Protein backbone atom coordinates (compact mmCIF):
# COMPACT_ATOMS: atom_id res chain seq x y z
CA MET A 1 158.77 77.94 83.61
CA LYS A 2 156.26 80.34 82.35
CA LYS A 3 153.34 79.28 80.07
CA GLU A 4 152.61 81.53 77.23
CA ILE A 5 148.96 82.32 76.75
CA ASN A 6 148.08 82.82 72.95
CA LYS A 7 145.77 85.43 71.74
CA LYS A 8 143.26 82.71 70.74
CA THR A 9 142.69 81.58 74.16
CA ILE A 10 142.18 85.06 75.50
CA ILE A 11 139.69 85.84 72.84
CA LEU A 12 137.91 82.62 73.52
CA VAL A 13 137.64 83.35 77.42
CA ILE A 14 136.41 86.90 76.63
CA VAL A 15 133.75 85.68 74.25
CA SER A 16 132.68 82.90 76.80
CA ILE A 17 132.31 85.52 79.59
CA LEU A 18 130.43 87.81 77.29
CA CYS A 19 127.95 84.86 76.39
CA ILE A 20 127.46 83.98 80.07
CA ILE A 21 126.63 87.59 80.94
CA GLY A 22 124.27 87.89 77.97
CA SER A 23 122.51 84.65 78.85
CA ILE A 24 121.88 85.84 82.36
CA PHE A 25 120.80 89.22 81.27
CA LEU A 26 118.18 87.45 78.88
CA ILE A 27 116.93 85.17 81.43
CA LYS A 28 116.36 87.84 84.01
CA LEU A 29 114.48 90.03 81.25
CA THR A 30 112.34 86.94 80.31
CA LEU A 31 111.36 86.20 83.86
CA LYS A 32 110.54 89.64 84.71
CA PRO A 33 106.68 90.07 85.15
CA LYS A 34 104.85 92.07 82.42
CA GLU A 35 102.77 95.15 83.65
CA THR A 36 99.09 94.37 83.09
CA LYS A 37 95.75 95.87 84.55
CA GLU A 38 95.89 93.34 87.29
CA ASN A 39 99.38 94.35 88.56
CA PHE A 40 99.23 98.15 87.60
CA GLU A 41 99.69 100.18 90.82
CA ILE A 42 101.16 103.73 91.30
CA GLU A 43 101.19 104.96 95.02
CA GLY A 44 98.11 107.01 95.61
CA ILE A 45 96.12 106.07 92.45
CA ASP A 46 93.62 103.30 92.43
CA VAL A 47 92.60 101.56 89.20
CA THR A 48 89.59 99.64 88.71
CA LYS A 49 90.00 96.05 87.46
CA ASN A 50 86.41 95.28 86.72
CA GLU A 51 86.93 93.87 83.08
CA ASP A 52 82.99 93.30 82.98
CA ILE A 53 82.40 96.99 82.63
CA LEU A 54 85.58 98.06 80.96
CA LYS A 55 85.35 95.63 77.93
CA ASP A 56 85.55 96.80 74.40
CA THR A 57 82.16 98.06 72.97
CA THR A 58 80.77 98.74 69.75
CA ILE A 59 78.30 101.50 69.22
CA GLY A 60 77.12 102.50 65.71
CA GLU A 61 80.24 102.36 63.56
CA PHE A 62 82.51 103.16 66.46
CA ASP A 63 84.56 100.91 68.62
CA ILE A 64 85.01 102.17 72.29
CA THR A 65 88.44 100.56 73.63
CA LYS A 66 91.03 100.89 76.29
CA GLN A 67 88.72 102.05 79.02
CA VAL A 68 89.89 102.71 82.31
CA LEU A 69 88.90 104.32 85.69
CA TYR A 70 91.36 105.85 88.02
CA ASN A 71 90.76 107.38 91.39
CA SER A 72 93.25 109.68 93.39
CA GLU A 73 92.32 111.38 96.43
CA GLY A 74 88.41 111.23 95.71
CA VAL A 75 88.75 112.51 92.15
CA SER A 76 88.25 110.02 89.42
CA LEU A 77 89.02 109.93 85.72
CA PHE A 78 87.32 107.90 83.06
CA SER A 79 89.49 107.40 79.98
CA ALA A 80 88.73 105.52 76.68
CA ILE A 81 89.65 105.63 73.07
CA VAL A 82 86.83 105.94 70.34
CA GLU A 83 88.05 104.24 67.13
CA ASN A 84 86.65 104.77 63.69
CA ASN A 85 87.57 101.65 61.79
CA THR A 86 85.55 102.37 58.67
CA GLU A 87 86.48 103.50 55.27
CA LYS A 88 84.89 106.94 55.72
CA ASP A 89 85.02 110.04 57.91
CA LEU A 90 82.29 109.81 60.57
CA LYS A 91 80.81 112.47 63.03
CA ILE A 92 79.60 112.06 66.44
CA THR A 93 76.82 114.74 67.34
CA ARG A 94 76.69 113.57 70.84
CA LEU A 95 78.04 110.54 72.66
CA TYR A 96 76.59 109.88 76.22
CA GLY A 97 78.04 107.64 78.98
CA ILE A 98 75.39 106.18 81.50
CA PHE A 99 77.43 105.35 84.53
CA THR A 100 75.62 103.22 87.15
CA ILE A 101 77.21 104.28 90.53
CA ASN A 102 75.81 102.95 93.76
CA GLU A 103 72.79 101.78 91.98
CA LYS A 104 72.16 105.31 90.63
CA GLU A 105 72.57 106.19 87.06
CA GLU A 106 74.39 109.42 85.74
CA LYS A 107 74.26 110.52 82.25
CA LEU A 108 77.37 112.39 81.01
CA ILE A 109 78.13 113.94 77.76
CA LEU A 110 81.51 112.15 76.73
CA LEU A 111 81.87 113.78 73.30
CA ASP A 112 80.16 116.63 71.55
CA ASP A 113 80.36 117.48 67.81
CA ILE A 114 83.39 115.64 66.98
CA GLU A 115 84.48 114.43 63.49
CA ILE A 116 86.76 111.23 63.53
CA LYS A 117 88.67 110.64 60.24
CA LYS A 118 88.67 107.17 58.71
CA GLY A 119 90.99 104.68 60.52
CA THR A 120 91.70 107.15 63.39
CA THR A 121 90.90 107.34 66.94
CA PHE A 122 89.80 110.12 69.42
CA PRO A 123 90.44 110.11 73.29
CA ILE A 124 87.72 110.39 75.82
CA ASN A 125 88.85 111.90 79.28
CA ILE A 126 86.10 112.64 81.87
CA THR A 127 86.80 113.62 85.54
CA PHE A 128 84.38 113.09 88.41
CA ASP A 129 84.55 115.03 91.74
CA ARG A 130 84.24 111.77 93.72
CA ASP A 131 85.57 108.21 93.63
CA VAL A 132 83.62 106.17 91.05
CA LEU A 133 85.58 102.97 91.14
CA ASN A 134 82.55 101.22 92.28
CA THR A 135 80.74 101.77 88.94
CA THR A 136 78.83 98.69 88.17
CA ASN A 137 77.76 99.45 84.44
CA ILE A 138 78.65 101.70 81.75
CA GLU A 139 76.18 102.15 78.80
CA TYR A 140 76.87 104.20 75.73
CA VAL A 141 74.25 106.20 73.72
CA LEU A 142 75.03 107.82 70.49
CA GLU A 143 72.80 110.75 69.49
CA ASP A 144 72.22 111.41 65.72
């Protein structure tokens, strides 16, 4: 005697299997660790994790955010974003960064003669010809 399987039963089994597979996928996706500064690693590139010196800063009417120090094979990069969150266009005549590295201060021009439109941002990318991940302080000076 053969049992006849109706179409409703087949559809119910297929939907059940798809729900189980979808649930497994969502659980795996939810449990996957998020990428943060603490676990961000690329082979051959070191990233400083010192939140004390890379904290968001306000200087004048500008916010300096998303600061990061990278190093690869003895060459370092300082990267940050300058934000103009005001309701007017603003000009930066000169923005200096004073980096304290191995107890010595090094003053660098980060931005020179830049206009940042209201509500927009401008990137800072400065390279060093040596490893500066041991920077202990960054101070910003805005020149009028």
